[in-house]
C-alpha atoms as a PDB file:
ATOM      1  CA  MET A   1     -53.951  35.838  46.604  1.00  0.00           C
ATOM      2  CA  ASN A   2     -56.652  35.293  43.876  1.00  0.00           C
ATOM      3  CA  ALA A   3     -55.348  35.117  39.871  1.00  0.00           C
ATOM      4  CA  PHE A   4     -56.410  38.993  39.405  1.00  0.00           C
ATOM      5  CA  ASP A   5     -54.755  40.211  42.214  1.00  0.00           C
ATOM      6  CA  PHE A   6     -51.237  38.522  41.271  1.00  0.00           C
ATOM      7  CA  PHE A   7     -51.866  39.950  37.659  1.00  0.00           C
ATOM      8  CA  ASN A   8     -52.190  43.559  39.263  1.00  0.00           C
ATOM      9  CA  ARG A   9     -49.745  43.524  41.603  1.00  0.00           C
ATOM     10  CA  HIS A  10     -47.057  41.743  39.469  1.00  0.00           C
ATOM     11  CA  PHE A  11     -47.942  42.883  35.899  1.00  0.00           C
ATOM     12  CA  LEU A  12     -49.974  46.312  36.410  1.00  0.00           C
ATOM     13  CA  LYS A  13     -48.735  47.677  39.397  1.00  0.00           C
ATOM     14  CA  MET A  14     -45.147  45.838  39.061  1.00  0.00           C
ATOM     15  CA  GLU A  15     -44.484  45.953  42.699  1.00  0.00           C
ATOM     16  CA  TRP A  16     -41.505  44.326  42.053  1.00  0.00           C
ATOM     17  CA  LEU A  17     -40.179  46.947  39.854  1.00  0.00           C
ATOM     18  CA  TYR A  18     -41.188  49.781  42.434  1.00  0.00           C
ATOM     19  CA  ASP A  19     -39.002  47.578  45.005  1.00  0.00           C
ATOM     20  CA  GLY A  20     -36.220  47.033  42.783  1.00  0.00           C
ATOM     21  CA  VAL A  21     -35.856  50.976  41.913  1.00  0.00           C
ATOM     22  CA  GLU A  22     -36.354  52.083  45.847  1.00  0.00           C
ATOM     23  CA  TYR A  23     -33.435  49.290  46.406  1.00  0.00           C
ATOM     24  CA  LEU A  24     -31.175  50.942  43.700  1.00  0.00           C
ATOM     25  CA  ILE A  25     -31.874  54.461  44.802  1.00  0.00           C
ATOM     26  CA  ASN A  26     -31.149  53.535  48.440  1.00  0.00           C
ATOM     27  CA  ARG A  27     -27.509  51.594  47.325  1.00  0.00           C
ATOM     28  CA  ILE A  28     -26.883  53.961  44.491  1.00  0.00           C
ATOM     29  CA  PHE A  29     -27.674  57.511  45.782  1.00  0.00           C
ATOM     30  CA  GLY A  30     -28.107  56.693  49.532  1.00  0.00           C
ATOM     31  CA  LEU A  31     -31.592  58.173  49.561  1.00  0.00           C
ATOM     32  CA  GLU A  32     -34.938  57.284  51.064  1.00  0.00           C
ATOM     33  CA  ILE A  33     -37.901  57.482  48.646  1.00  0.00           C
ATOM     34  CA  THR A  34     -39.602  59.277  51.641  1.00  0.00           C
ATOM     35  CA  SER A  35     -36.914  62.383  50.951  1.00  0.00           C
ATOM     36  CA  ARG A  36     -38.281  64.933  48.269  1.00  0.00           C
ATOM     37  CA  ILE A  37     -35.211  64.117  45.869  1.00  0.00           C
ATOM     38  CA  GLY A  38     -35.288  60.240  46.638  1.00  0.00           C
ATOM     39  CA  GLY A  39     -39.029  60.431  45.741  1.00  0.00           C
ATOM     40  CA  SER A  40     -38.778  62.498  42.940  1.00  0.00           C
ATOM     41  CA  ILE A  41     -36.271  60.243  41.380  1.00  0.00           C
ATOM     42  CA  HIS A  42     -38.043  57.297  42.196  1.00  0.00           C
ATOM     43  CA  PHE A  43     -41.264  58.524  40.735  1.00  0.00           C
ATOM     44  CA  PHE A  44     -39.416  59.170  37.672  1.00  0.00           C
ATOM     45  CA  VAL A  45     -37.725  56.084  37.066  1.00  0.00           C
ATOM     46  CA  TYR A  46     -40.534  53.809  38.465  1.00  0.00           C
ATOM     47  CA  ASP A  47     -43.136  55.325  36.441  1.00  0.00           C
ATOM     48  CA  THR A  48     -41.154  55.703  33.115  1.00  0.00           C
ATOM     49  CA  VAL A  49     -40.086  52.270  32.876  1.00  0.00           C
ATOM     50  CA  LYS A  50     -43.466  50.802  33.976  1.00  0.00           C
ATOM     51  CA  ILE A  51     -45.094  52.944  31.237  1.00  0.00           C
ATOM     52  CA  PHE A  52     -42.769  51.766  28.328  1.00  0.00           C
ATOM     53  CA  ILE A  53     -42.327  48.114  29.437  1.00  0.00           C
ATOM     54  CA  LEU A  54     -46.607  47.921  29.354  1.00  0.00           C
ATOM     55  CA  LEU A  55     -46.779  50.416  26.282  1.00  0.00           C
ATOM     56  CA  SER A  56     -44.651  48.229  24.465  1.00  0.00           C
ATOM     57  CA  VAL A  57     -46.205  44.954  25.339  1.00  0.00           C
ATOM     58  CA  LEU A  58     -49.856  46.218  24.690  1.00  0.00           C
ATOM     59  CA  ILE A  59     -49.185  48.456  21.577  1.00  0.00           C
ATOM     60  CA  PHE A  60     -47.903  45.103  20.622  1.00  0.00           C
ATOM     61  CA  GLY A  61     -51.068  43.116  20.878  1.00  0.00           C
ATOM     62  CA  VAL A  62     -53.434  46.013  20.175  1.00  0.00           C
ATOM     63  CA  SER A  63     -51.547  46.295  16.710  1.00  0.00           C
ATOM     64  CA  TYR A  64     -51.775  42.897  16.269  1.00  0.00           C
ATOM     65  CA  ILE A  65     -55.641  43.197  16.477  1.00  0.00           C
ATOM     66  CA  GLN A  66     -55.763  46.329  14.583  1.00  0.00           C
ATOM     67  CA  SER A  67     -54.229  44.151  11.637  1.00  0.00           C
ATOM     68  CA  PHE A  68     -57.530  42.707  11.271  1.00  0.00           C
ATOM     69  CA  PHE A  69     -59.300  45.858  10.725  1.00  0.00           C
ATOM     70  CA  PRO A  70     -57.442  48.226   8.037  1.00  0.00           C
ATOM     71  CA  PRO A  71     -58.480  51.409   6.898  1.00  0.00           C
ATOM     72  CA  GLU A  72     -60.838  49.975   4.263  1.00  0.00           C
ATOM     73  CA  ARG A  73     -62.194  47.059   6.339  1.00  0.00           C
ATOM     74  CA  THR A  74     -63.317  49.615   8.787  1.00  0.00           C
ATOM     75  CA  LYS A  75     -64.869  51.970   6.140  1.00  0.00           C
ATOM     76  CA  LYS A  76     -67.288  49.194   5.034  1.00  0.00           C
ATOM     77  CA  LEU A  77     -68.157  48.139   8.481  1.00  0.00           C
ATOM     78  CA  LEU A  78     -69.434  51.905   9.484  1.00  0.00           C
ATOM     79  CA  GLY A  79     -70.786  52.406   5.967  1.00  0.00           C
ATOM     80  CA  ASN A  80     -73.324  49.758   6.419  1.00  0.00           C
ATOM     81  CA  ILE A  81     -74.608  50.866   9.707  1.00  0.00           C
ATOM     82  CA  LYS A  82     -76.681  54.198   9.735  1.00  0.00           C
ATOM     83  CA  GLY A  83     -78.037  55.971  13.069  1.00  0.00           C
ATOM     84  CA  ILE A  84     -76.986  55.715  16.622  1.00  0.00           C
ATOM     85  CA  LYS A  85     -75.968  52.026  16.002  1.00  0.00           C
ATOM     86  CA  GLY A  86     -73.285  53.509  13.507  1.00  0.00           C
ATOM     87  CA  ASN A  87     -72.062  56.135  16.149  1.00  0.00           C
ATOM     88  CA  ILE A  88     -71.726  53.296  18.860  1.00  0.00           C
ATOM     89  CA  LEU A  89     -69.674  51.187  16.288  1.00  0.00           C
ATOM     90  CA  GLY A  90     -67.278  54.475  15.067  1.00  0.00           C
ATOM     91  CA  ALA A  91     -66.670  54.887  19.036  1.00  0.00           C
ATOM     92  CA  LEU A  92     -66.111  51.166  19.604  1.00  0.00           C
ATOM     93  CA  LEU A  93     -63.758  51.271  16.603  1.00  0.00           C
ATOM     94  CA  GLY A  94     -61.727  54.159  17.817  1.00  0.00           C
ATOM     95  CA  THR A  95     -61.039  52.085  20.915  1.00  0.00           C
ATOM     96  CA  ILE A  96     -59.029  49.676  18.773  1.00  0.00           C
ATOM     97  CA  THR A  97     -56.654  52.490  17.238  1.00  0.00           C
ATOM     98  CA  PRO A  98     -53.639  53.600  19.148  1.00  0.00           C
ATOM     99  CA  PHE A  99     -53.459  57.163  17.654  1.00  0.00           C
ATOM    100  CA  CYS A 100     -53.609  60.519  19.404  1.00  0.00           C
ATOM    101  CA  SER A 101     -55.739  63.325  18.265  1.00  0.00           C
ATOM    102  CA  CYS A 102     -53.690  64.576  15.771  1.00  0.00           C
ATOM    103  CA  SER A 103     -52.773  61.271  13.898  1.00  0.00           C
ATOM    104  CA  SER A 104     -56.593  60.247  13.819  1.00  0.00           C
ATOM    105  CA  ILE A 105     -57.512  63.338  11.821  1.00  0.00           C
ATOM    106  CA  PRO A 106     -55.944  61.417   8.629  1.00  0.00           C
ATOM    107  CA  LEU A 107     -58.330  58.779   9.007  1.00  0.00           C
ATOM    108  CA  PHE A 108     -61.317  60.901   9.901  1.00  0.00           C
ATOM    109  CA  ILE A 109     -60.543  62.825   6.383  1.00  0.00           C
ATOM    110  CA  GLY A 110     -60.559  59.296   4.733  1.00  0.00           C
ATOM    111  CA  PHE A 111     -63.737  57.854   6.448  1.00  0.00           C
ATOM    112  CA  THR A 112     -65.706  61.860   5.461  1.00  0.00           C
ATOM    113  CA  SER A 113     -64.335  61.825   1.691  1.00  0.00           C
ATOM    114  CA  ALA A 114     -65.634  58.109   1.666  1.00  0.00           C
ATOM    115  CA  GLY A 115     -69.022  59.194   2.206  1.00  0.00           C
ATOM    116  CA  LEU A 116     -69.487  58.269   5.793  1.00  0.00           C
ATOM    117  CA  PRO A 117     -71.879  60.101   7.968  1.00  0.00           C
ATOM    118  CA  ILE A 118     -70.673  62.855   9.933  1.00  0.00           C
ATOM    119  CA  GLY A 119     -71.988  61.994  13.393  1.00  0.00           C
ATOM    120  CA  ILE A 120     -70.027  58.475  12.717  1.00  0.00           C
ATOM    121  CA  THR A 121     -66.449  60.019  11.875  1.00  0.00           C
ATOM    122  CA  PHE A 122     -67.166  62.259  14.686  1.00  0.00           C
ATOM    123  CA  SER A 123     -67.781  59.693  17.249  1.00  0.00           C
ATOM    124  CA  PHE A 124     -64.603  58.014  15.678  1.00  0.00           C
ATOM    125  CA  LEU A 125     -62.608  60.948  16.194  1.00  0.00           C
ATOM    126  CA  ILE A 126     -63.574  61.688  19.861  1.00  0.00           C
ATOM    127  CA  SER A 127     -63.056  58.330  20.907  1.00  0.00           C
ATOM    128  CA  SER A 128     -59.884  57.135  19.291  1.00  0.00           C
ATOM    129  CA  PRO A 129     -57.398  59.700  21.131  1.00  0.00           C
ATOM    130  CA  LEU A 130     -59.786  59.218  24.398  1.00  0.00           C
ATOM    131  CA  VAL A 131     -60.031  55.691  24.773  1.00  0.00           C
ATOM    132  CA  ASP A 132     -57.790  52.710  23.485  1.00  0.00           C
ATOM    133  CA  LEU A 133     -57.065  49.202  24.792  1.00  0.00           C
ATOM    134  CA  ALA A 134     -53.423  49.833  25.525  1.00  0.00           C
ATOM    135  CA  SER A 135     -54.715  53.150  27.773  1.00  0.00           C
ATOM    136  CA  ILE A 136     -57.120  50.820  29.576  1.00  0.00           C
ATOM    137  CA  ILE A 137     -54.425  48.396  30.847  1.00  0.00           C
ATOM    138  CA  ILE A 138     -52.136  51.582  31.956  1.00  0.00           C
ATOM    139  CA  LEU A 139     -55.163  53.193  33.517  1.00  0.00           C
ATOM    140  CA  MET A 140     -55.892  50.168  35.535  1.00  0.00           C
ATOM    141  CA  SER A 141     -51.813  50.045  36.586  1.00  0.00           C
ATOM    142  CA  PHE A 142     -52.249  53.607  38.132  1.00  0.00           C
ATOM    143  CA  PHE A 143     -55.722  53.823  39.481  1.00  0.00           C
ATOM    144  CA  GLY A 144     -57.442  50.260  39.743  1.00  0.00           C
ATOM    145  CA  PRO A 145     -59.930  48.821  37.805  1.00  0.00           C
ATOM    146  CA  GLN A 146     -63.050  50.736  38.907  1.00  0.00           C
ATOM    147  CA  VAL A 147     -61.358  54.122  37.615  1.00  0.00           C
ATOM    148  CA  ALA A 148     -60.301  52.550  34.327  1.00  0.00           C
ATOM    149  CA  ILE A 149     -63.968  51.060  33.545  1.00  0.00           C
ATOM    150  CA  ALA A 150     -65.574  54.169  34.212  1.00  0.00           C
ATOM    151  CA  TYR A 151     -62.885  56.338  32.168  1.00  0.00           C
ATOM    152  CA  VAL A 152     -63.662  53.747  29.423  1.00  0.00           C
ATOM    153  CA  ILE A 153     -67.640  54.160  29.578  1.00  0.00           C
ATOM    154  CA  VAL A 154     -67.657  58.039  29.968  1.00  0.00           C
ATOM    155  CA  GLY A 155     -65.330  58.521  27.292  1.00  0.00           C
ATOM    156  CA  LEU A 156     -67.487  56.211  25.091  1.00  0.00           C
ATOM    157  CA  VAL A 157     -70.539  57.921  26.071  1.00  0.00           C
ATOM    158  CA  LEU A 158     -69.158  61.321  25.125  1.00  0.00           C
ATOM    159  CA  ALA A 159     -68.012  60.047  21.643  1.00  0.00           C
ATOM    160  CA  VAL A 160     -71.356  58.388  20.870  1.00  0.00           C
ATOM    161  CA  ILE A 161     -73.592  61.619  21.971  1.00  0.00           C
ATOM    162  CA  GLY A 162     -70.891  63.989  20.555  1.00  0.00           C
ATOM    163  CA  GLY A 163     -71.202  62.426  17.175  1.00  0.00           C
ATOM    164  CA  VAL A 164     -75.200  62.164  17.482  1.00  0.00           C
ATOM    165  CA  LEU A 165     -75.371  65.988  18.487  1.00  0.00           C
ATOM    166  CA  ILE A 166     -73.028  66.673  15.408  1.00  0.00           C
ATOM    167  CA  ASP A 167     -75.319  64.857  13.183  1.00  0.00           C
ATOM    168  CA  LYS A 168     -78.535  66.185  14.461  1.00  0.00           C
ATOM    169  CA  ALA A 169     -77.276  69.841  14.374  1.00  0.00           C
ATOM    170  CA  GLY A 170     -76.747  69.128  10.663  1.00  0.00           C
ATOM    171  CA  MET A 171     -73.039  70.015  10.759  1.00  0.00           C
ATOM    172  CA  GLU A 172     -72.460  67.814   7.399  1.00  0.00           C
ATOM    173  CA  LYS A 173     -72.202  70.950   5.457  1.00  0.00           C
ATOM    174  CA  TYR A 174     -69.451  72.542   7.272  1.00  0.00           C
ATOM    175  CA  VAL A 175     -66.672  70.124   6.156  1.00  0.00           C
ATOM    176  CA  GLU A 176     -64.660  71.734   3.671  1.00  0.00           C
ATOM    177  CA  SER A 177     -65.496  71.037   0.258  1.00  0.00           C
ATOM    178  CA  TYR A 178     -62.011  69.543  -0.938  1.00  0.00           C
ATOM    179  CA  VAL A 179     -62.120  66.791   1.708  1.00  0.00           C
ATOM    180  CA  ARG A 180     -65.660  65.598  -0.065  1.00  0.00           C
ATOM    181  CA  GLU A 181     -63.846  65.964  -3.467  1.00  0.00           C
ATOM    182  CA  ILE A 182     -60.676  63.842  -2.307  1.00  0.00           C
ATOM    183  CA  GLU A 183     -61.312  60.350  -4.063  1.00  0.00           C
ATOM    184  CA  SER A 184     -61.852  57.543  -1.893  1.00  0.00           C
ATOM    185  CA  ALA A 185     -59.352  54.608  -3.221  1.00  0.00           C
ATOM    186  CA  ASP A 186     -59.842  51.881  -1.731  1.00  0.00           C
ATOM    187  CA  SER A 187     -57.157  49.222  -2.065  1.00  0.00           C
ATOM    188  CA  GLU A 188     -57.705  45.772  -2.115  1.00  0.00           C
ATOM    189  CA  GLU A 189     -57.820  43.706   0.793  1.00  0.00           C
ATOM    190  CA  ASN A 190     -54.731  41.567   1.254  1.00  0.00           C
ATOM    191  CA  GLU A 191     -55.178  38.949   4.036  1.00  0.00           C
ATOM    192  CA  LEU A 192     -52.000  39.530   5.690  1.00  0.00           C
ATOM    193  CA  SER A 193     -49.932  36.290   7.361  1.00  0.00           C
ATOM    194  CA  LYS A 194     -49.174  35.683  10.793  1.00  0.00           C
ATOM    195  CA  ARG A 195     -45.466  36.903  10.275  1.00  0.00           C
ATOM    196  CA  ASP A 196     -46.785  39.865   8.542  1.00  0.00           C
ATOM    197  CA  ARG A 197     -49.043  40.900  11.619  1.00  0.00           C
ATOM    198  CA  VAL A 198     -46.074  40.506  13.678  1.00  0.00           C
ATOM    199  CA  ASP A 199     -43.913  42.676  11.627  1.00  0.00           C
ATOM    200  CA  PHE A 200     -47.183  45.335  11.512  1.00  0.00           C
ATOM    201  CA  ALA A 201     -47.258  45.144  15.257  1.00  0.00           C
ATOM    202  CA  VAL A 202     -43.563  45.505  15.687  1.00  0.00           C
ATOM    203  CA  ASP A 203     -43.272  48.499  13.335  1.00  0.00           C
ATOM    204  CA  GLN A 204     -46.357  49.884  15.549  1.00  0.00           C
ATOM    205  CA  VAL A 205     -44.572  49.591  18.664  1.00  0.00           C
ATOM    206  CA  LYS A 206     -41.410  51.336  17.283  1.00  0.00           C
ATOM    207  CA  GLU A 207     -43.446  54.252  15.812  1.00  0.00           C
ATOM    208  CA  ILE A 208     -45.647  55.232  18.489  1.00  0.00           C
ATOM    209  CA  VAL A 209     -42.724  54.715  20.738  1.00  0.00           C
ATOM    210  CA  GLN A 210     -40.689  57.165  19.130  1.00  0.00           C
ATOM    211  CA  ARG A 211     -43.547  59.198  18.579  1.00  0.00           C
ATOM    212  CA  VAL A 212     -44.585  59.717  22.400  1.00  0.00           C
ATOM    213  CA  TRP A 213     -41.449  58.969  24.359  1.00  0.00           C
ATOM    214  CA  LEU A 214     -40.672  63.145  25.153  1.00  0.00           C
ATOM    215  CA  TYR A 215     -44.206  63.339  26.169  1.00  0.00           C
ATOM    216  CA  VAL A 216     -44.039  60.323  28.439  1.00  0.00           C
ATOM    217  CA  PHE A 217     -40.500  62.004  29.909  1.00  0.00           C
ATOM    218  CA  ILE A 218     -42.484  65.243  30.268  1.00  0.00           C
ATOM    219  CA  GLY A 219     -45.337  63.995  31.890  1.00  0.00           C
ATOM    220  CA  VAL A 220     -43.721  61.762  34.056  1.00  0.00           C
ATOM    221  CA  GLY A 221     -41.274  65.060  35.209  1.00  0.00           C
ATOM    222  CA  ILE A 222     -44.215  67.220  36.030  1.00  0.00           C
ATOM    223  CA  GLY A 223     -45.881  64.324  37.950  1.00  0.00           C
ATOM    224  CA  ALA A 224     -42.720  63.961  40.075  1.00  0.00           C
ATOM    225  CA  ILE A 225     -42.666  67.909  40.522  1.00  0.00           C
ATOM    226  CA  ILE A 226     -46.143  67.984  41.828  1.00  0.00           C
ATOM    227  CA  HIS A 227     -45.944  64.519  43.529  1.00  0.00           C
ATOM    228  CA  ASN A 228     -42.868  65.660  45.838  1.00  0.00           C
ATOM    229  CA  TRP A 229     -42.208  69.416  45.495  1.00  0.00           C
ATOM    230  CA  ILE A 230     -45.592  71.211  45.267  1.00  0.00           C
ATOM    231  CA  PRO A 231     -47.380  71.132  48.889  1.00  0.00           C
ATOM    232  CA  GLN A 232     -50.649  69.812  49.025  1.00  0.00           C
ATOM    233  CA  SER A 233     -52.324  72.597  50.107  1.00  0.00           C
ATOM    234  CA  MET A 234     -51.811  74.514  47.224  1.00  0.00           C
ATOM    235  CA  VAL A 235     -52.965  71.661  44.764  1.00  0.00           C
ATOM    236  CA  GLU A 236     -56.194  71.429  47.148  1.00  0.00           C
ATOM    237  CA  THR A 237     -56.629  75.316  46.915  1.00  0.00           C
ATOM    238  CA  ALA A 238     -56.574  75.025  42.834  1.00  0.00           C
ATOM    239  CA  LEU A 239     -58.029  71.670  42.233  1.00  0.00           C
ATOM    240  CA  GLY A 240     -59.638  70.449  45.425  1.00  0.00           C
ATOM    241  CA  SER A 241     -63.237  69.440  46.084  1.00  0.00           C
ATOM    242  CA  ASN A 242     -63.454  72.751  48.022  1.00  0.00           C
ATOM    243  CA  ASN A 243     -62.808  74.809  44.391  1.00  0.00           C
ATOM    244  CA  PRO A 244     -65.928  74.738  42.840  1.00  0.00           C
ATOM    245  CA  PHE A 245     -64.507  75.786  39.763  1.00  0.00           C
ATOM    246  CA  SER A 246     -61.845  72.974  39.864  1.00  0.00           C
ATOM    247  CA  VAL A 247     -63.267  70.714  36.936  1.00  0.00           C
ATOM    248  CA  LEU A 248     -63.641  73.842  34.874  1.00  0.00           C
ATOM    249  CA  ILE A 249     -59.479  74.762  35.552  1.00  0.00           C
ATOM    250  CA  ALA A 250     -58.799  71.414  35.086  1.00  0.00           C
ATOM    251  CA  THR A 251     -60.561  71.415  31.573  1.00  0.00           C
ATOM    252  CA  VAL A 252     -58.882  74.945  30.609  1.00  0.00           C
ATOM    253  CA  ILE A 253     -55.699  73.926  31.775  1.00  0.00           C
ATOM    254  CA  GLY A 254     -55.749  70.797  29.717  1.00  0.00           C
ATOM    255  CA  ILE A 255     -56.781  71.665  26.299  1.00  0.00           C
ATOM    256  CA  PRO A 256     -53.724  73.823  25.326  1.00  0.00           C
ATOM    257  CA  MET A 257     -51.296  71.045  26.325  1.00  0.00           C
ATOM    258  CA  TYR A 258     -50.181  68.311  23.262  1.00  0.00           C
ATOM    259  CA  ALA A 259     -49.860  64.900  25.074  1.00  0.00           C
ATOM    260  CA  ASP A 260     -51.190  61.424  24.361  1.00  0.00           C
ATOM    261  CA  ILE A 261     -52.735  59.404  27.371  1.00  0.00           C
ATOM    262  CA  PHE A 262     -49.382  57.929  28.171  1.00  0.00           C
ATOM    263  CA  GLY A 263     -48.129  61.070  28.928  1.00  0.00           C
ATOM    264  CA  THR A 264     -50.876  62.425  30.811  1.00  0.00           C
ATOM    265  CA  LEU A 265     -51.388  59.566  32.981  1.00  0.00           C
ATOM    266  CA  PRO A 266     -48.121  60.644  35.439  1.00  0.00           C
ATOM    267  CA  ILE A 267     -49.602  64.002  35.821  1.00  0.00           C
ATOM    268  CA  ALA A 268     -52.778  62.596  36.680  1.00  0.00           C
ATOM    269  CA  GLU A 269     -51.680  60.018  38.861  1.00  0.00           C
ATOM    270  CA  ALA A 270     -49.590  62.812  41.226  1.00  0.00           C
ATOM    271  CA  LEU A 271     -53.092  64.915  41.105  1.00  0.00           C
ATOM    272  CA  PHE A 272     -54.858  61.650  42.212  1.00  0.00           C
ATOM    273  CA  LEU A 273     -52.227  61.140  44.940  1.00  0.00           C
ATOM    274  CA  LYS A 274     -52.472  65.100  46.396  1.00  0.00           C
ATOM    275  CA  GLY A 275     -56.149  64.581  46.925  1.00  0.00           C
ATOM    276  CA  VAL A 276     -57.865  66.046  43.732  1.00  0.00           C
ATOM    277  CA  GLY A 277     -61.179  64.182  42.868  1.00  0.00           C
ATOM    278  CA  ILE A 278     -61.506  61.904  40.657  1.00  0.00           C
ATOM    279  CA  GLY A 279     -63.874  64.147  38.304  1.00  0.00           C
ATOM    280  CA  THR A 280     -61.196  66.648  38.196  1.00  0.00           C
ATOM    281  CA  VAL A 281     -58.418  64.226  37.243  1.00  0.00           C
ATOM    282  CA  LEU A 282     -60.694  62.463  34.490  1.00  0.00           C
ATOM    283  CA  SER A 283     -61.479  66.270  32.979  1.00  0.00           C
ATOM    284  CA  PHE A 284     -58.018  66.854  32.954  1.00  0.00           C
ATOM    285  CA  MET A 285     -57.016  63.691  30.973  1.00  0.00           C
ATOM    286  CA  MET A 286     -59.563  63.970  28.878  1.00  0.00           C
ATOM    287  CA  ALA A 287     -59.335  67.643  27.635  1.00  0.00           C
ATOM    288  CA  VAL A 288     -55.664  66.779  26.916  1.00  0.00           C
ATOM    289  CA  THR A 289     -56.337  63.669  24.978  1.00  0.00           C
ATOM    290  CA  ALA A 290     -59.462  64.707  23.097  1.00  0.00           C
ATOM    291  CA  LEU A 291     -59.033  68.512  23.006  1.00  0.00           C
ATOM    292  CA  SER A 292     -55.149  69.370  22.395  1.00  0.00           C
ATOM    293  CA  LEU A 293     -54.605  72.610  20.942  1.00  0.00           C
ATOM    294  CA  PRO A 294     -52.521  71.088  18.000  1.00  0.00           C
ATOM    295  CA  SER A 295     -55.392  68.666  16.769  1.00  0.00           C
ATOM    296  CA  LEU A 296     -57.706  71.662  17.009  1.00  0.00           C
ATOM    297  CA  ILE A 297     -55.424  73.123  14.757  1.00  0.00           C
ATOM    298  CA  MET A 298     -55.237  70.338  12.103  1.00  0.00           C
ATOM    299  CA  LEU A 299     -59.059  69.905  12.513  1.00  0.00           C
ATOM    300  CA  SER A 300     -59.604  73.651  11.694  1.00  0.00           C
ATOM    301  CA  LYS A 301     -57.875  73.033   8.000  1.00  0.00           C
ATOM    302  CA  VAL A 302     -60.876  70.228   7.331  1.00  0.00           C
ATOM    303  CA  VAL A 303     -63.986  72.032   8.693  1.00  0.00           C
ATOM    304  CA  LYS A 304     -65.107  75.099   8.824  1.00  0.00           C
ATOM    305  CA  ARG A 305     -65.388  77.415  11.786  1.00  0.00           C
ATOM    306  CA  LYS A 306     -68.836  76.666  13.141  1.00  0.00           C
ATOM    307  CA  LEU A 307     -68.407  72.998  12.994  1.00  0.00           C
ATOM    308  CA  LEU A 308     -64.878  73.183  15.002  1.00  0.00           C
ATOM    309  CA  ILE A 309     -66.850  75.896  17.848  1.00  0.00           C
ATOM    310  CA  PHE A 310     -69.418  73.049  17.929  1.00  0.00           C
ATOM    311  CA  PHE A 311     -67.524  70.416  18.195  1.00  0.00           C
ATOM    312  CA  THR A 312     -65.637  72.168  21.061  1.00  0.00           C
ATOM    313  CA  GLY A 313     -68.007  73.264  22.823  1.00  0.00           C
ATOM    314  CA  VAL A 314     -69.731  69.598  22.571  1.00  0.00           C
ATOM    315  CA  VAL A 315     -66.696  68.165  24.309  1.00  0.00           C
ATOM    316  CA  SER A 316     -65.803  70.607  26.575  1.00  0.00           C
ATOM    317  CA  MET A 317     -69.001  70.599  27.946  1.00  0.00           C
ATOM    318  CA  GLY A 318     -69.452  66.903  28.176  1.00  0.00           C
ATOM    319  CA  ILE A 319     -66.018  66.772  30.208  1.00  0.00           C
ATOM    320  CA  ILE A 320     -67.095  69.161  32.317  1.00  0.00           C
ATOM    321  CA  ILE A 321     -70.351  67.686  33.162  1.00  0.00           C
ATOM    322  CA  ILE A 322     -68.459  63.971  33.483  1.00  0.00           C
ATOM    323  CA  GLY A 323     -66.189  65.743  36.005  1.00  0.00           C
ATOM    324  CA  TYR A 324     -68.821  67.386  38.309  1.00  0.00           C
ATOM    325  CA  LEU A 325     -70.877  64.182  38.062  1.00  0.00           C
ATOM    326  CA  PHE A 326     -68.031  61.788  39.339  1.00  0.00           C
ATOM    327  CA  ASN A 327     -66.846  64.494  42.119  1.00  0.00           C
ATOM    328  CA  ALA A 328     -70.443  64.582  43.166  1.00  0.00           C
ATOM    329  CA  PHE A 329     -70.939  60.664  43.118  1.00  0.00           C
ATOM    330  CA  GLY A 330     -67.741  59.036  42.617  1.00  0.00           C
ATOM    331  CA  ASN A 331     -67.573  58.422  46.435  1.00  0.00           C
ATOM    332  CA  LEU A 332     -70.402  55.720  46.220  1.00  0.00           C
ATOM    333  CA  PHE A 333     -68.198  53.775  43.558  1.00  0.00           C
ATOM    334  CA  PHE A 334     -64.291  54.388  44.566  1.00  0.00           C
END
């Protein structure tokens, strides 16, 4: 066994936890995980515990890194780079901010009021909830490194292209005027001590866990139902490869939902195990995280309708194209 296989089996997939939960279910409930009830309990307990262990460890690490990039420093970095390079940097900086789509919007307002180009701020806004360092590792634990890497690449490409198109379409004038009038009061950057960074990371873990725990429970519960109770034939009829509208359906279903990627992953895992194409699964995940209805409502308070419709249309079309491409060519790579 090489080092990566060991890391994947024991840290990412946590096979020891899988076996331990199976043992407890057999001993305490007298159930086999091959049964519907036993399988549902095992799916729920195993996935929930695994997500929270990974989430706590990874958010701590990501937040420690993030402490080196406060909003003031991020504004300066983005403000000095123009054109597509700025979009790429905005998308990459979005990956180190462990925020959902709603909590990314205040940063978007701050960047816009600071005078950053609209395209760069939207590249950040698309990337931040869609791709972050913690979600990459958790994606690997569910789907393996190939799918995780593919998800990150297409997410960043979507963020960059979306920001470029919004900039080229001249959407700057459709930001609400009061956002531009907000004073950008940059506080002085105080160098944090190692202890300060640890405290910041611990606080971020507490805050994010408190914010996402309910969505994780809901997502794992839905995943357990799909995995153990809904017939595979029904799932394949609605979202299988034989349905040419599967990607479109998954995207439309995902948009009204509100969850971050941690609550979405168990549902995506259950769909994947039921034989749903990887492109359809990715489209569902992207729609939930990048275009949730609550985040669109919040965004409507800071941008005018034309920009909101353009943003939603560009991201939706990108998600749908990505889904169909992966369904068509994914077998070449996975």
